[in-house]
PDB file of N, CA and C in Angstrom:
ATOM      1  N   MET A   1       0.848  -1.174   0.000  1.00  0.00           N
ATOM      2  CA  MET A   1       0.000   0.000   0.000  1.00  0.00           C
ATOM      3  C   MET A   1       0.892   1.236   0.000  1.00  0.00           C
ATOM      4  N   ARG A   2       0.591   2.165  -0.848  1.00  0.00           N
ATOM      5  CA  ARG A   2       1.386   3.387  -0.886  1.00  0.00           C
ATOM      6  C   ARG A   2       0.951   4.333   0.224  1.00  0.00           C
ATOM      7  N   ASN A   3       1.842   5.218   0.577  1.00  0.00           N
ATOM      8  CA  ASN A   3       1.543   6.211   1.609  1.00  0.00           C
ATOM      9  C   ASN A   3       0.493   7.172   1.085  1.00  0.00           C
ATOM     10  N   SER A   4      -0.605   7.285   1.781  1.00  0.00           N
ATOM     11  CA  SER A   4      -1.631   8.242   1.385  1.00  0.00           C
ATOM     12  C   SER A   4      -2.339   8.738   2.634  1.00  0.00           C
ATOM     13  N   GLY A   5      -2.869   9.923   2.548  1.00  0.00           N
ATOM     14  CA  GLY A   5      -3.569  10.508   3.677  1.00  0.00           C
ATOM     15  C   GLY A   5      -5.059  10.247   3.594  1.00  0.00           C
ATOM     16  N   VAL A   6      -5.683  10.278   4.739  1.00  0.00           N
ATOM     17  CA  VAL A   6      -7.128  10.112   4.820  1.00  0.00           C
ATOM     18  C   VAL A   6      -7.651  11.182   5.768  1.00  0.00           C
ATOM     19  N   LEU A   7      -8.687  11.855   5.359  1.00  0.00           N
ATOM     20  CA  LEU A   7      -9.322  12.847   6.213  1.00  0.00           C
ATOM     21  C   LEU A   7     -10.626  12.267   6.732  1.00  0.00           C
ATOM     22  N   VAL A   8     -10.781  12.286   8.056  1.00  0.00           N
ATOM     23  CA  VAL A   8     -12.007  11.818   8.683  1.00  0.00           C
ATOM     24  C   VAL A   8     -12.512  12.935   9.567  1.00  0.00           C
ATOM     25  N   ARG A   9     -13.774  13.270   9.405  1.00  0.00           N
ATOM     26  CA  ARG A   9     -14.360  14.333  10.223  1.00  0.00           C
ATOM     27  C   ARG A   9     -15.294  13.729  11.243  1.00  0.00           C
ATOM     28  N   ARG A  10     -15.354  14.350  12.397  1.00  0.00           N
ATOM     29  CA  ARG A  10     -16.265  13.871  13.440  1.00  0.00           C
ATOM     30  C   ARG A  10     -17.080  15.039  13.971  1.00  0.00           C
ATOM     31  N   ASN A  11     -18.231  14.713  14.501  1.00  0.00           N
ATOM     32  CA  ASN A  11     -19.092  15.729  15.080  1.00  0.00           C
ATOM     33  C   ASN A  11     -18.998  15.708  16.601  1.00  0.00           C
ATOM     34  N   ALA A  12     -18.942  14.528  17.170  1.00  0.00           N
ATOM     35  CA  ALA A  12     -18.827  14.365  18.619  1.00  0.00           C
ATOM     36  C   ALA A  12     -18.372  12.940  18.897  1.00  0.00           C
ATOM     37  N   GLY A  13     -17.906  12.688  20.082  1.00  0.00           N
ATOM     38  CA  GLY A  13     -17.557  11.334  20.469  1.00  0.00           C
ATOM     39  C   GLY A  13     -16.116  10.959  20.176  1.00  0.00           C
ATOM     40  N   TYR A  14     -15.189  11.453  21.014  1.00  0.00           N
ATOM     41  CA  TYR A  14     -13.771  11.169  20.798  1.00  0.00           C
ATOM     42  C   TYR A  14     -13.479   9.667  20.781  1.00  0.00           C
ATOM     43  N   ASN A  15     -13.987   8.930  21.772  1.00  0.00           N
ATOM     44  CA  ASN A  15     -13.690   7.498  21.831  1.00  0.00           C
ATOM     45  C   ASN A  15     -14.325   6.735  20.683  1.00  0.00           C
ATOM     46  N   ARG A  16     -15.554   7.070  20.336  1.00  0.00           N
ATOM     47  CA  ARG A  16     -16.202   6.407  19.193  1.00  0.00           C
ATOM     48  C   ARG A  16     -15.431   6.661  17.921  1.00  0.00           C
ATOM     49  N   PHE A  17     -15.040   7.886  17.730  1.00  0.00           N
ATOM     50  CA  PHE A  17     -14.282   8.283  16.550  1.00  0.00           C
ATOM     51  C   PHE A  17     -12.964   7.521  16.472  1.00  0.00           C
ATOM     52  N   GLY A  18     -12.231   7.503  17.576  1.00  0.00           N
ATOM     53  CA  GLY A  18     -10.969   6.772  17.619  1.00  0.00           C
ATOM     54  C   GLY A  18     -11.154   5.292  17.393  1.00  0.00           C
ATOM     55  N   LEU A  19     -12.245   4.747  17.921  1.00  0.00           N
ATOM     56  CA  LEU A  19     -12.541   3.329  17.749  1.00  0.00           C
ATOM     57  C   LEU A  19     -12.763   2.989  16.278  1.00  0.00           C
ATOM     58  N   VAL A  20     -13.504   3.833  15.583  1.00  0.00           N
ATOM     59  CA  VAL A  20     -13.763   3.605  14.156  1.00  0.00           C
ATOM     60  C   VAL A  20     -12.456   3.663  13.364  1.00  0.00           C
ATOM     61  N   ILE A  21     -11.619   4.631  13.657  1.00  0.00           N
ATOM     62  CA  ILE A  21     -10.350   4.760  12.941  1.00  0.00           C
ATOM     63  C   ILE A  21      -9.447   3.561  13.239  1.00  0.00           C
ATOM     64  N   ALA A  22      -9.324   3.194  14.516  1.00  0.00           N
ATOM     65  CA  ALA A  22      -8.481   2.055  14.886  1.00  0.00           C
ATOM     66  C   ALA A  22      -8.994   0.772  14.245  1.00  0.00           C
ATOM     67  N   ARG A  23     -10.296   0.575  14.253  1.00  0.00           N
ATOM     68  CA  ARG A  23     -10.876  -0.633  13.654  1.00  0.00           C
ATOM     69  C   ARG A  23     -10.614  -0.682  12.146  1.00  0.00           C
ATOM     70  N   THR A  24     -10.687   0.456  11.501  1.00  0.00           N
ATOM     71  CA  THR A  24     -10.392   0.525  10.069  1.00  0.00           C
ATOM     72  C   THR A  24      -8.943   0.138   9.807  1.00  0.00           C
ATOM     73  N   LEU A  25      -8.023   0.648  10.626  1.00  0.00           N
ATOM     74  CA  LEU A  25      -6.609   0.300  10.465  1.00  0.00           C
ATOM     75  C   LEU A  25      -6.391  -1.195  10.668  1.00  0.00           C
ATOM     76  N   ILE A  26      -7.088  -1.780  11.642  1.00  0.00           N
ATOM     77  CA  ILE A  26      -6.983  -3.224  11.892  1.00  0.00           C
ATOM     78  C   ILE A  26      -7.486  -4.000  10.677  1.00  0.00           C
ATOM     79  N   GLU A  27      -8.584  -3.560  10.102  1.00  0.00           N
ATOM     80  CA  GLU A  27      -9.119  -4.213   8.907  1.00  0.00           C
ATOM     81  C   GLU A  27      -8.142  -4.115   7.733  1.00  0.00           C
ATOM     82  N   LEU A  28      -7.318  -3.072   7.726  1.00  0.00           N
ATOM     83  CA  LEU A  28      -6.317  -2.891   6.673  1.00  0.00           C
ATOM     84  C   LEU A  28      -5.036  -3.674   6.958  1.00  0.00           C
ATOM     85  N   GLY A  29      -5.011  -4.418   8.069  1.00  0.00           N
ATOM     86  CA  GLY A  29      -3.883  -5.291   8.356  1.00  0.00           C
ATOM     87  C   GLY A  29      -2.970  -4.859   9.480  1.00  0.00           C
ATOM     88  N   TRP A  30      -3.276  -3.755  10.142  1.00  0.00           N
ATOM     89  CA  TRP A  30      -2.442  -3.294  11.255  1.00  0.00           C
ATOM     90  C   TRP A  30      -2.691  -4.186  12.465  1.00  0.00           C
ATOM     91  N   GLU A  31      -1.661  -4.324  13.317  1.00  0.00           N
ATOM     92  CA  GLU A  31      -1.842  -4.969  14.617  1.00  0.00           C
ATOM     93  C   GLU A  31      -2.675  -4.040  15.498  1.00  0.00           C
ATOM     94  N   ALA A  32      -3.480  -4.613  16.392  1.00  0.00           N
ATOM     95  CA  ALA A  32      -4.397  -3.816  17.212  1.00  0.00           C
ATOM     96  C   ALA A  32      -3.668  -2.763  18.041  1.00  0.00           C
ATOM     97  N   THR A  33      -2.600  -3.158  18.735  1.00  0.00           N
ATOM     98  CA  THR A  33      -1.898  -2.180  19.574  1.00  0.00           C
ATOM     99  C   THR A  33      -1.251  -1.079  18.742  1.00  0.00           C
ATOM    100  N   THR A  34      -0.762  -1.422  17.567  1.00  0.00           N
ATOM    101  CA  THR A  34      -0.163  -0.423  16.684  1.00  0.00           C
ATOM    102  C   THR A  34      -1.224   0.561  16.214  1.00  0.00           C
ATOM    103  N   ALA A  35      -2.398   0.064  15.877  1.00  0.00           N
ATOM    104  CA  ALA A  35      -3.490   0.931  15.434  1.00  0.00           C
ATOM    105  C   ALA A  35      -3.927   1.870  16.553  1.00  0.00           C
ATOM    106  N   ILE A  36      -4.054   1.353  17.760  1.00  0.00           N
ATOM    107  CA  ILE A  36      -4.465   2.173  18.905  1.00  0.00           C
ATOM    108  C   ILE A  36      -3.415   3.242  19.194  1.00  0.00           C
ATOM    109  N   GLU A  37      -2.156   2.844  19.185  1.00  0.00           N
ATOM    110  CA  GLU A  37      -1.081   3.808  19.435  1.00  0.00           C
ATOM    111  C   GLU A  37      -1.047   4.887  18.353  1.00  0.00           C
ATOM    112  N   ALA A  38      -1.313   4.516  17.106  1.00  0.00           N
ATOM    113  CA  ALA A  38      -1.332   5.491  16.020  1.00  0.00           C
ATOM    114  C   ALA A  38      -2.452   6.499  16.213  1.00  0.00           C
ATOM    115  N   VAL A  39      -3.627   6.037  16.631  1.00  0.00           N
ATOM    116  CA  VAL A  39      -4.750   6.951  16.876  1.00  0.00           C
ATOM    117  C   VAL A  39      -4.410   7.880  18.037  1.00  0.00           C
ATOM    118  N   GLN A  40      -3.856   7.320  19.096  1.00  0.00           N
ATOM    119  CA  GLN A  40      -3.531   8.134  20.262  1.00  0.00           C
ATOM    120  C   GLN A  40      -2.405   9.124  19.976  1.00  0.00           C
ATOM    121  N   ALA A  41      -1.501   8.793  19.078  1.00  0.00           N
ATOM    122  CA  ALA A  41      -0.378   9.680  18.754  1.00  0.00           C
ATOM    123  C   ALA A  41      -0.750  10.696  17.681  1.00  0.00           C
ATOM    124  N   GLY A  42      -1.891  10.522  17.053  1.00  0.00           N
ATOM    125  CA  GLY A  42      -2.296  11.399  15.959  1.00  0.00           C
ATOM    126  C   GLY A  42      -2.811  12.740  16.433  1.00  0.00           C
ATOM    127  N   THR A  43      -3.589  13.367  15.619  1.00  0.00           N
ATOM    128  CA  THR A  43      -4.079  14.712  15.916  1.00  0.00           C
ATOM    129  C   THR A  43      -5.279  14.714  16.848  1.00  0.00           C
ATOM    130  N   ILE A  44      -5.688  13.562  17.326  1.00  0.00           N
ATOM    131  CA  ILE A  44      -6.818  13.469  18.242  1.00  0.00           C
ATOM    132  C   ILE A  44      -6.306  13.008  19.603  1.00  0.00           C
ATOM    133  N   PRO A  45      -5.813  13.903  20.436  1.00  0.00           N
ATOM    134  CA  PRO A  45      -5.205  13.495  21.692  1.00  0.00           C
ATOM    135  C   PRO A  45      -6.161  12.781  22.638  1.00  0.00           C
ATOM    136  N   LEU A  46      -7.451  13.011  22.517  1.00  0.00           N
ATOM    137  CA  LEU A  46      -8.408  12.343  23.396  1.00  0.00           C
ATOM    138  C   LEU A  46      -8.972  11.073  22.772  1.00  0.00           C
ATOM    139  N   GLY A  47      -8.611  10.774  21.538  1.00  0.00           N
ATOM    140  CA  GLY A  47      -9.128   9.579  20.877  1.00  0.00           C
ATOM    141  C   GLY A  47      -8.621   8.319  21.554  1.00  0.00           C
ATOM    142  N   LEU A  48      -9.523   7.435  21.861  1.00  0.00           N
ATOM    143  CA  LEU A  48      -9.201   6.171  22.554  1.00  0.00           C
ATOM    144  C   LEU A  48      -8.410   6.434  23.817  1.00  0.00           C
ATOM    145  N   ASN A  49      -8.950   7.253  24.682  1.00  0.00           N
ATOM    146  CA  ASN A  49      -8.219   7.622  25.891  1.00  0.00           C
ATOM    147  C   ASN A  49      -8.460   6.680  27.060  1.00  0.00           C
ATOM    148  N   ASN A  50      -9.174   5.582  26.834  1.00  0.00           N
ATOM    149  CA  ASN A  50      -9.354   4.582  27.883  1.00  0.00           C
ATOM    150  C   ASN A  50      -8.084   3.760  28.028  1.00  0.00           C
ATOM    151  N   SER A  51      -7.834   3.246  29.217  1.00  0.00           N
ATOM    152  CA  SER A  51      -6.650   2.460  29.474  1.00  0.00           C
ATOM    153  C   SER A  51      -6.707   1.123  28.729  1.00  0.00           C
ATOM    154  N   LEU A  52      -5.553   0.639  28.277  1.00  0.00           N
ATOM    155  CA  LEU A  52      -5.497  -0.650  27.595  1.00  0.00           C
ATOM    156  C   LEU A  52      -5.474  -1.816  28.584  1.00  0.00           C
ATOM    157  N   THR A  53      -5.282  -1.551  29.861  1.00  0.00           N
ATOM    158  CA  THR A  53      -5.195  -2.626  30.850  1.00  0.00           C
ATOM    159  C   THR A  53      -6.520  -2.891  31.484  1.00  0.00           C
TER     160      THR A  53
END
């Protein structure tokens, strides 16, 4: 897969939004923890802010 950007807009719901993005990355072949870390490190600091433990 080539490097490409994706724009996703949200209206409300940081965790829901992060969950959808992480799940999409997993469906594209990413490992779950890598997808979660990518969402948390991205431009949505509150996305998926629940503890992994």
